[in-house]
Amino acid sequence: MSTQSKLTAQAQVSVPAVVRRALGIGPGSVIVWEAEGDRIVVRRVGRHSSADIHQALFGSIKPGRKSDQELKAGIGAYMKARHARR
């Protein structure tokens, strides 16, 4: 794939539609520019799984299993507490 972009006076560049589609990016996406020898490679910043986020927040603590009834009761209690009139 070969495509071109033009650098603006403010040093901004538009990412061509073909490249946006190939990278799976859109408005608000973050890309990284990496120098590899005499080339510059553009990559999208990796996405994180829910397991990655849980690991970052809670470390090695494993969530316990809950029944459907326990989950529904927990959600209900949270919603009541969050939306209770003060």
PDB file of N, CA and C in Angstrom:
ATOM      1  N   MET A   1       0.851  -1.166   0.000  1.00  0.00           N
ATOM      2  CA  MET A   1       0.000   0.000   0.000  1.00  0.00           C
ATOM      3  C   MET A   1       0.897   1.230   0.000  1.00  0.00           C
ATOM      4  N   SER A   2       0.598   2.153  -0.840  1.00  0.00           N
ATOM      5  CA  SER A   2       1.345   3.398  -0.897  1.00  0.00           C
ATOM      6  C   SER A   2       0.350   4.540  -1.029  1.00  0.00           C
ATOM      7  N   THR A   3       0.477   5.517  -0.148  1.00  0.00           N
ATOM      8  CA  THR A   3      -0.404   6.672  -0.177  1.00  0.00           C
ATOM      9  C   THR A   3       0.358   7.863   0.364  1.00  0.00           C
ATOM     10  N   GLN A   4      -0.147   9.065   0.124  1.00  0.00           N
ATOM     11  CA  GLN A   4       0.570  10.265   0.534  1.00  0.00           C
ATOM     12  C   GLN A   4      -0.281  11.135   1.442  1.00  0.00           C
ATOM     13  N   SER A   5       0.406  11.946   2.262  1.00  0.00           N
ATOM     14  CA  SER A   5      -0.219  12.977   3.081  1.00  0.00           C
ATOM     15  C   SER A   5       0.626  14.226   2.949  1.00  0.00           C
ATOM     16  N   LYS A   6       0.022  15.356   3.255  1.00  0.00           N
ATOM     17  CA  LYS A   6       0.741  16.623   3.187  1.00  0.00           C
ATOM     18  C   LYS A   6       0.833  17.219   4.583  1.00  0.00           C
ATOM     19  N   LEU A   7       1.999  17.684   4.962  1.00  0.00           N
ATOM     20  CA  LEU A   7       2.229  18.308   6.260  1.00  0.00           C
ATOM     21  C   LEU A   7       1.750  19.758   6.197  1.00  0.00           C
ATOM     22  N   THR A   8       0.943  20.171   7.192  1.00  0.00           N
ATOM     23  CA  THR A   8       0.450  21.550   7.220  1.00  0.00           C
ATOM     24  C   THR A   8       1.490  22.470   7.852  1.00  0.00           C
ATOM     25  N   ALA A   9       1.236  23.768   7.810  1.00  0.00           N
ATOM     26  CA  ALA A   9       2.137  24.754   8.426  1.00  0.00           C
ATOM     27  C   ALA A   9       2.249  24.537   9.935  1.00  0.00           C
ATOM     28  N   GLN A  10       1.224  23.932  10.562  1.00  0.00           N
ATOM     29  CA  GLN A  10       1.243  23.640  11.996  1.00  0.00           C
ATOM     30  C   GLN A  10       1.833  22.261  12.288  1.00  0.00           C
ATOM     31  N   ALA A  11       2.493  21.658  11.314  1.00  0.00           N
ATOM     32  CA  ALA A  11       3.124  20.336  11.434  1.00  0.00           C
ATOM     33  C   ALA A  11       2.102  19.235  11.693  1.00  0.00           C
ATOM     34  N   GLN A  12       0.902  19.396  11.170  1.00  0.00           N
ATOM     35  CA  GLN A  12      -0.131  18.368  11.298  1.00  0.00           C
ATOM     36  C   GLN A  12      -0.211  17.575  10.001  1.00  0.00           C
ATOM     37  N   VAL A  13      -0.659  16.347  10.129  1.00  0.00           N
ATOM     38  CA  VAL A  13      -0.789  15.483   8.968  1.00  0.00           C
ATOM     39  C   VAL A  13      -2.137  14.765   9.046  1.00  0.00           C
ATOM     40  N   SER A  14      -2.795  14.606   7.921  1.00  0.00           N
ATOM     41  CA  SER A  14      -4.036  13.838   7.868  1.00  0.00           C
ATOM     42  C   SER A  14      -3.691  12.396   7.544  1.00  0.00           C
ATOM     43  N   VAL A  15      -4.336  11.486   8.239  1.00  0.00           N
ATOM     44  CA  VAL A  15      -4.114  10.062   7.978  1.00  0.00           C
ATOM     45  C   VAL A  15      -5.088   9.649   6.879  1.00  0.00           C
ATOM     46  N   PRO A  16      -4.573   9.181   5.760  1.00  0.00           N
ATOM     47  CA  PRO A  16      -5.443   8.805   4.646  1.00  0.00           C
ATOM     48  C   PRO A  16      -6.454   7.720   5.050  1.00  0.00           C
ATOM     49  N   ALA A  17      -7.616   7.747   4.408  1.00  0.00           N
ATOM     50  CA  ALA A  17      -8.695   6.807   4.721  1.00  0.00           C
ATOM     51  C   ALA A  17      -8.241   5.361   4.600  1.00  0.00           C
ATOM     52  N   VAL A  18      -7.433   5.053   3.596  1.00  0.00           N
ATOM     53  CA  VAL A  18      -6.939   3.685   3.394  1.00  0.00           C
ATOM     54  C   VAL A  18      -6.141   3.228   4.614  1.00  0.00           C
ATOM     55  N   VAL A  19      -5.316   4.121   5.165  1.00  0.00           N
ATOM     56  CA  VAL A  19      -4.501   3.788   6.336  1.00  0.00           C
ATOM     57  C   VAL A  19      -5.385   3.675   7.575  1.00  0.00           C
ATOM     58  N   ARG A  20      -6.349   4.595   7.735  1.00  0.00           N
ATOM     59  CA  ARG A  20      -7.270   4.524   8.887  1.00  0.00           C
ATOM     60  C   ARG A  20      -8.017   3.200   8.895  1.00  0.00           C
ATOM     61  N   ARG A  21      -8.488   2.783   7.739  1.00  0.00           N
ATOM     62  CA  ARG A  21      -9.199   1.498   7.660  1.00  0.00           C
ATOM     63  C   ARG A  21      -8.269   0.335   7.978  1.00  0.00           C
ATOM     64  N   ALA A  22      -7.050   0.375   7.450  1.00  0.00           N
ATOM     65  CA  ALA A  22      -6.091  -0.715   7.682  1.00  0.00           C
ATOM     66  C   ALA A  22      -5.724  -0.823   9.162  1.00  0.00           C
ATOM     67  N   LEU A  23      -5.623   0.320   9.849  1.00  0.00           N
ATOM     68  CA  LEU A  23      -5.275   0.319  11.269  1.00  0.00           C
ATOM     69  C   LEU A  23      -6.494   0.162  12.173  1.00  0.00           C
ATOM     70  N   GLY A  24      -7.687   0.328  11.607  1.00  0.00           N
ATOM     71  CA  GLY A  24      -8.909   0.239  12.409  1.00  0.00           C
ATOM     72  C   GLY A  24      -9.033   1.398  13.381  1.00  0.00           C
ATOM     73  N   ILE A  25      -8.687   2.610  12.921  1.00  0.00           N
ATOM     74  CA  ILE A  25      -8.734   3.782  13.799  1.00  0.00           C
ATOM     75  C   ILE A  25      -9.752   4.783  13.304  1.00  0.00           C
ATOM     76  N   GLY A  26     -10.141   5.688  14.195  1.00  0.00           N
ATOM     77  CA  GLY A  26     -11.082   6.746  13.877  1.00  0.00           C
ATOM     78  C   GLY A  26     -10.818   7.931  14.781  1.00  0.00           C
ATOM     79  N   PRO A  27     -11.739   8.892  14.816  1.00  0.00           N
ATOM     80  CA  PRO A  27     -11.547  10.070  15.657  1.00  0.00           C
ATOM     81  C   PRO A  27     -11.281   9.676  17.111  1.00  0.00           C
ATOM     82  N   GLY A  28     -10.274  10.292  17.699  1.00  0.00           N
ATOM     83  CA  GLY A  28      -9.923  10.001  19.090  1.00  0.00           C
ATOM     84  C   GLY A  28      -8.942   8.854  19.264  1.00  0.00           C
ATOM     85  N   SER A  29      -8.671   8.115  18.204  1.00  0.00           N
ATOM     86  CA  SER A  29      -7.706   7.013  18.294  1.00  0.00           C
ATOM     87  C   SER A  29      -6.308   7.581  18.488  1.00  0.00           C
ATOM     88  N   VAL A  30      -5.460   6.806  19.117  1.00  0.00           N
ATOM     89  CA  VAL A  30      -4.073   7.209  19.345  1.00  0.00           C
ATOM     90  C   VAL A  30      -3.174   6.321  18.489  1.00  0.00           C
ATOM     91  N   ILE A  31      -2.249   6.970  17.794  1.00  0.00           N
ATOM     92  CA  ILE A  31      -1.276   6.225  16.998  1.00  0.00           C
ATOM     93  C   ILE A  31       0.119   6.580  17.499  1.00  0.00           C
ATOM     94  N   VAL A  32       1.057   5.697  17.239  1.00  0.00           N
ATOM     95  CA  VAL A  32       2.442   5.910  17.649  1.00  0.00           C
ATOM     96  C   VAL A  32       3.317   5.881  16.397  1.00  0.00           C
ATOM     97  N   TRP A  33       4.303   6.767  16.373  1.00  0.00           N
ATOM     98  CA  TRP A  33       5.253   6.847  15.270  1.00  0.00           C
ATOM     99  C   TRP A  33       6.567   6.262  15.768  1.00  0.00           C
ATOM    100  N   GLU A  34       7.068   5.228  15.115  1.00  0.00           N
ATOM    101  CA  GLU A  34       8.286   4.554  15.557  1.00  0.00           C
ATOM    102  C   GLU A  34       9.328   4.595  14.447  1.00  0.00           C
ATOM    103  N   ALA A  35      10.554   4.951  14.831  1.00  0.00           N
ATOM    104  CA  ALA A  35      11.665   4.929  13.877  1.00  0.00           C
ATOM    105  C   ALA A  35      12.245   3.528  13.865  1.00  0.00           C
ATOM    106  N   GLU A  36      12.346   2.951  12.670  1.00  0.00           N
ATOM    107  CA  GLU A  36      12.958   1.631  12.484  1.00  0.00           C
ATOM    108  C   GLU A  36      13.985   1.765  11.374  1.00  0.00           C
ATOM    109  N   GLY A  37      15.213   2.047  11.795  1.00  0.00           N
ATOM    110  CA  GLY A  37      16.263   2.272  10.792  1.00  0.00           C
ATOM    111  C   GLY A  37      15.992   3.558  10.041  1.00  0.00           C
ATOM    112  N   ASP A  38      15.895   3.463   8.711  1.00  0.00           N
ATOM    113  CA  ASP A  38      15.638   4.649   7.899  1.00  0.00           C
ATOM    114  C   ASP A  38      14.150   4.806   7.570  1.00  0.00           C
ATOM    115  N   ARG A  39      13.297   4.118   8.309  1.00  0.00           N
ATOM    116  CA  ARG A  39      11.850   4.162   8.065  1.00  0.00           C
ATOM    117  C   ARG A  39      11.114   4.649   9.313  1.00  0.00           C
ATOM    118  N   ILE A  40       9.959   5.206   9.114  1.00  0.00           N
ATOM    119  CA  ILE A  40       9.051   5.551  10.201  1.00  0.00           C
ATOM    120  C   ILE A  40       7.826   4.662  10.046  1.00  0.00           C
ATOM    121  N   VAL A  41       7.477   3.966  11.107  1.00  0.00           N
ATOM    122  CA  VAL A  41       6.332   3.058  11.096  1.00  0.00           C
ATOM    123  C   VAL A  41       5.243   3.648  11.983  1.00  0.00           C
ATOM    124  N   VAL A  42       4.028   3.677  11.462  1.00  0.00           N
ATOM    125  CA  VAL A  42       2.884   4.185  12.220  1.00  0.00           C
ATOM    126  C   VAL A  42       2.059   2.994  12.674  1.00  0.00           C
ATOM    127  N   ARG A  43       1.797   2.923  13.990  1.00  0.00           N
ATOM    128  CA  ARG A  43       0.994   1.833  14.553  1.00  0.00           C
ATOM    129  C   ARG A  43      -0.079   2.418  15.448  1.00  0.00           C
ATOM    130  N   ARG A  44      -1.181   1.732  15.560  1.00  0.00           N
ATOM    131  CA  ARG A  44      -2.175   2.163  16.545  1.00  0.00           C
ATOM    132  C   ARG A  44      -1.714   1.684  17.911  1.00  0.00           C
ATOM    133  N   VAL A  45      -2.056   2.444  18.921  1.00  0.00           N
ATOM    134  CA  VAL A  45      -1.705   2.059  20.280  1.00  0.00           C
ATOM    135  C   VAL A  45      -2.553   0.858  20.646  1.00  0.00           C
ATOM    136  N   GLY A  46      -1.935  -0.136  21.297  1.00  0.00           N
ATOM    137  CA  GLY A  46      -2.625  -1.372  21.636  1.00  0.00           C
ATOM    138  C   GLY A  46      -3.822  -1.148  22.547  1.00  0.00           C
ATOM    139  N   ARG A  47      -4.774  -2.015  22.432  1.00  0.00           N
ATOM    140  CA  ARG A  47      -5.958  -1.969  23.287  1.00  0.00           C
ATOM    141  C   ARG A  47      -5.753  -2.912  24.448  1.00  0.00           C
ATOM    142  N   HIS A  48      -6.423  -2.652  25.528  1.00  0.00           N
ATOM    143  CA  HIS A  48      -6.286  -3.462  26.726  1.00  0.00           C
ATOM    144  C   HIS A  48      -7.541  -4.293  26.942  1.00  0.00           C
ATOM    145  N   SER A  49      -7.353  -5.507  27.360  1.00  0.00           N
ATOM    146  CA  SER A  49      -8.477  -6.386  27.655  1.00  0.00           C
ATOM    147  C   SER A  49      -8.975  -6.097  29.067  1.00  0.00           C
ATOM    148  N   SER A  50     -10.153  -6.581  29.384  1.00  0.00           N
ATOM    149  CA  SER A  50     -10.676  -6.407  30.744  1.00  0.00           C
ATOM    150  C   SER A  50      -9.775  -7.113  31.752  1.00  0.00           C
ATOM    151  N   ALA A  51      -9.132  -8.197  31.342  1.00  0.00           N
ATOM    152  CA  ALA A  51      -8.200  -8.889  32.232  1.00  0.00           C
ATOM    153  C   ALA A  51      -6.986  -8.003  32.533  1.00  0.00           C
ATOM    154  N   ASP A  52      -6.493  -7.270  31.527  1.00  0.00           N
ATOM    155  CA  ASP A  52      -5.375  -6.349  31.737  1.00  0.00           C
ATOM    156  C   ASP A  52      -5.754  -5.245  32.719  1.00  0.00           C
ATOM    157  N   ILE A  53      -6.949  -4.705  32.559  1.00  0.00           N
ATOM    158  CA  ILE A  53      -7.419  -3.633  33.436  1.00  0.00           C
ATOM    159  C   ILE A  53      -7.594  -4.151  34.853  1.00  0.00           C
ATOM    160  N   HIS A  54      -8.191  -5.344  35.007  1.00  0.00           N
ATOM    161  CA  HIS A  54      -8.373  -5.936  36.335  1.00  0.00           C
ATOM    162  C   HIS A  54      -7.017  -6.156  37.004  1.00  0.00           C
ATOM    163  N   GLN A  55      -6.055  -6.648  36.249  1.00  0.00           N
ATOM    164  CA  GLN A  55      -4.717  -6.885  36.788  1.00  0.00           C
ATOM    165  C   GLN A  55      -4.088  -5.573  37.267  1.00  0.00           C
ATOM    166  N   ALA A  56      -4.259  -4.509  36.490  1.00  0.00           N
ATOM    167  CA  ALA A  56      -3.687  -3.215  36.866  1.00  0.00           C
ATOM    168  C   ALA A  56      -4.344  -2.656  38.126  1.00  0.00           C
ATOM    169  N   LEU A  57      -5.652  -2.865  38.260  1.00  0.00           N
ATOM    170  CA  LEU A  57      -6.374  -2.316  39.409  1.00  0.00           C
ATOM    171  C   LEU A  57      -6.235  -3.161  40.669  1.00  0.00           C
ATOM    172  N   PHE A  58      -6.315  -4.472  40.517  1.00  0.00           N
ATOM    173  CA  PHE A  58      -6.417  -5.345  41.688  1.00  0.00           C
ATOM    174  C   PHE A  58      -5.237  -6.304  41.862  1.00  0.00           C
ATOM    175  N   GLY A  59      -4.278  -6.279  40.961  1.00  0.00           N
ATOM    176  CA  GLY A  59      -3.144  -7.185  41.084  1.00  0.00           C
ATOM    177  C   GLY A  59      -3.569  -8.628  40.878  1.00  0.00           C
ATOM    178  N   SER A  60      -3.122  -9.501  41.763  1.00  0.00           N
ATOM    179  CA  SER A  60      -3.385 -10.930  41.585  1.00  0.00           C
ATOM    180  C   SER A  60      -4.682 -11.393  42.245  1.00  0.00           C
ATOM    181  N   ILE A  61      -5.470 -10.472  42.790  1.00  0.00           N
ATOM    182  CA  ILE A  61      -6.735 -10.855  43.423  1.00  0.00           C
ATOM    183  C   ILE A  61      -7.698 -11.349  42.342  1.00  0.00           C
ATOM    184  N   LYS A  62      -8.202 -12.550  42.521  1.00  0.00           N
ATOM    185  CA  LYS A  62      -9.151 -13.121  41.562  1.00  0.00           C
ATOM    186  C   LYS A  62     -10.575 -12.832  42.029  1.00  0.00           C
ATOM    187  N   PRO A  63     -11.452 -12.392  41.118  1.00  0.00           N
ATOM    188  CA  PRO A  63     -12.833 -12.158  41.514  1.00  0.00           C
ATOM    189  C   PRO A  63     -13.527 -13.486  41.820  1.00  0.00           C
ATOM    190  N   GLY A  64     -14.351 -13.484  42.836  1.00  0.00           N
ATOM    191  CA  GLY A  64     -15.093 -14.691  43.188  1.00  0.00           C
ATOM    192  C   GLY A  64     -16.282 -14.892  42.272  1.00  0.00           C
ATOM    193  N   ARG A  65     -16.709 -16.109  42.157  1.00  0.00           N
ATOM    194  CA  ARG A  65     -17.885 -16.416  41.337  1.00  0.00           C
ATOM    195  C   ARG A  65     -19.145 -16.002  42.068  1.00  0.00           C
ATOM    196  N   LYS A  66     -20.103 -15.451  41.342  1.00  0.00           N
ATOM    197  CA  LYS A  66     -21.386 -15.041  41.901  1.00  0.00           C
ATOM    198  C   LYS A  66     -22.500 -15.668  41.073  1.00  0.00           C
ATOM    199  N   SER A  67     -23.600 -15.940  41.745  1.00  0.00           N
ATOM    200  CA  SER A  67     -24.765 -16.463  41.027  1.00  0.00           C
ATOM    201  C   SER A  67     -25.475 -15.291  40.338  1.00  0.00           C
ATOM    202  N   ASP A  68     -26.370 -15.605  39.416  1.00  0.00           N
ATOM    203  CA  ASP A  68     -27.150 -14.568  38.747  1.00  0.00           C
ATOM    204  C   ASP A  68     -27.932 -13.735  39.760  1.00  0.00           C
ATOM    205  N   GLN A  69     -28.504 -14.399  40.749  1.00  0.00           N
ATOM    206  CA  GLN A  69     -29.285 -13.682  41.767  1.00  0.00           C
ATOM    207  C   GLN A  69     -28.394 -12.729  42.558  1.00  0.00           C
ATOM    208  N   GLU A  70     -27.181 -13.160  42.911  1.00  0.00           N
ATOM    209  CA  GLU A  70     -26.253 -12.293  43.641  1.00  0.00           C
ATOM    210  C   GLU A  70     -25.839 -11.088  42.797  1.00  0.00           C
ATOM    211  N   LEU A  71     -25.608 -11.317  41.508  1.00  0.00           N
ATOM    212  CA  LEU A  71     -25.238 -10.220  40.618  1.00  0.00           C
ATOM    213  C   LEU A  71     -26.375  -9.202  40.506  1.00  0.00           C
ATOM    214  N   LYS A  72     -27.607  -9.695  40.294  1.00  0.00           N
ATOM    215  CA  LYS A  72     -28.753  -8.803  40.178  1.00  0.00           C
ATOM    216  C   LYS A  72     -28.982  -8.021  41.463  1.00  0.00           C
ATOM    217  N   ALA A  73     -28.834  -8.678  42.594  1.00  0.00           N
ATOM    218  CA  ALA A  73     -29.003  -7.998  43.886  1.00  0.00           C
ATOM    219  C   ALA A  73     -27.921  -6.934  44.070  1.00  0.00           C
ATOM    220  N   GLY A  74     -26.694  -7.240  43.701  1.00  0.00           N
ATOM    221  CA  GLY A  74     -25.599  -6.278  43.816  1.00  0.00           C
ATOM    222  C   GLY A  74     -25.805  -5.069  42.918  1.00  0.00           C
ATOM    223  N   ILE A  75     -26.251  -5.293  41.696  1.00  0.00           N
ATOM    224  CA  ILE A  75     -26.529  -4.189  40.771  1.00  0.00           C
ATOM    225  C   ILE A  75     -27.672  -3.337  41.308  1.00  0.00           C
ATOM    226  N   GLY A  76     -28.716  -3.987  41.795  1.00  0.00           N
ATOM    227  CA  GLY A  76     -29.852  -3.259  42.351  1.00  0.00           C
ATOM    228  C   GLY A  76     -29.443  -2.393  43.537  1.00  0.00           C
ATOM    229  N   ALA A  77     -28.638  -2.937  44.426  1.00  0.00           N
ATOM    230  CA  ALA A  77     -28.185  -2.179  45.608  1.00  0.00           C
ATOM    231  C   ALA A  77     -27.324  -0.995  45.169  1.00  0.00           C
ATOM    232  N   TYR A  78     -26.478  -1.210  44.196  1.00  0.00           N
ATOM    233  CA  TYR A  78     -25.625  -0.129  43.697  1.00  0.00           C
ATOM    234  C   TYR A  78     -26.476   0.988  43.090  1.00  0.00           C
ATOM    235  N   MET A  79     -27.454   0.618  42.286  1.00  0.00           N
ATOM    236  CA  MET A  79     -28.312   1.625  41.628  1.00  0.00           C
ATOM    237  C   MET A  79     -29.125   2.407  42.660  1.00  0.00           C
ATOM    238  N   LYS A  80     -29.643   1.706  43.671  1.00  0.00           N
ATOM    239  CA  LYS A  80     -30.389   2.399  44.719  1.00  0.00           C
ATOM    240  C   LYS A  80     -29.506   3.398  45.454  1.00  0.00           C
ATOM    241  N   ALA A  81     -28.304   2.973  45.798  1.00  0.00           N
ATOM    242  CA  ALA A  81     -27.392   3.854  46.531  1.00  0.00           C
ATOM    243  C   ALA A  81     -26.955   5.031  45.652  1.00  0.00           C
ATOM    244  N   ARG A  82     -26.727   4.769  44.406  1.00  0.00           N
ATOM    245  CA  ARG A  82     -26.242   5.829  43.512  1.00  0.00           C
ATOM    246  C   ARG A  82     -27.315   6.849  43.202  1.00  0.00           C
ATOM    247  N   HIS A  83     -28.555   6.408  43.068  1.00  0.00           N
ATOM    248  CA  HIS A  83     -29.623   7.309  42.646  1.00  0.00           C
ATOM    249  C   HIS A  83     -30.587   7.671  43.775  1.00  0.00           C
ATOM    250  N   ALA A  84     -30.200   7.380  44.999  1.00  0.00           N
ATOM    251  CA  ALA A  84     -31.064   7.712  46.148  1.00  0.00           C
ATOM    252  C   ALA A  84     -31.122   9.225  46.303  1.00  0.00           C
ATOM    253  N   ARG A  85     -32.296   9.711  46.653  1.00  0.00           N
ATOM    254  CA  ARG A  85     -32.441  11.140  46.907  1.00  0.00           C
ATOM    255  C   ARG A  85     -31.810  11.466  48.234  1.00  0.00           C
ATOM    256  N   ARG A  86     -31.153  12.583  48.267  1.00  0.00           N
ATOM    257  CA  ARG A  86     -30.438  12.951  49.501  1.00  0.00           C
ATOM    258  C   ARG A  86     -31.173  13.985  50.266  1.00  0.00           C
TER     259      ARG A  86
END
